[in-house]
Amino acid sequence: MSNVRQIRDKTPDSEKITINLGYVDLGRIDLLVQEGFYSNRSDFIRTAIRNQLDTHGEAVTRSIERHTLELGLRDYGRADLEAVRDAGEILHIKVVGLARIGADVTPDLALRTIGSITVLGALQASPDIKKALADRIR
């Protein structure tokens, strides 16, 4: 009997982005970090982004409602897509946040049930699913 167990990969709860800053702005951020206002550059940038999102919170909410987007994490598993298929419907996924298509979903099932995918944030799906739906992902 083996005592080796497969551990599921942990799904990251954030997405890495890259930005370019001028030297003066970067120096000012470093000064605030040095003075103890922030623990590091990333802490400053995350705080600045959250503050801007809070400032525009009402506009974001109105836009989400206008575009009928789902906000947050949305999982689509095999059972979900089979129910859509059995109802003779086509799913149009619109998410602000993270949309995940489960590992139990086959490319064929995805093609039969997903008409379009619009994700403002991140889409997590197997490479096969992404390849099958490439022309439906916006």
Foldseek 3Di string as FASTA:
>chain_A
DDPDDDDDDDDDQADDDDDDDDPVVVVVLVVCCVVPVAVDSVRVVVVVVVVVCVVCVVVVVVVCVVVVAAEEEAEAEPVNLVVQVVVVHADEHHYEYEYEYDPRDDLVSCVSHYQAHEYNHYYHYDPRNCVSCVVRYD
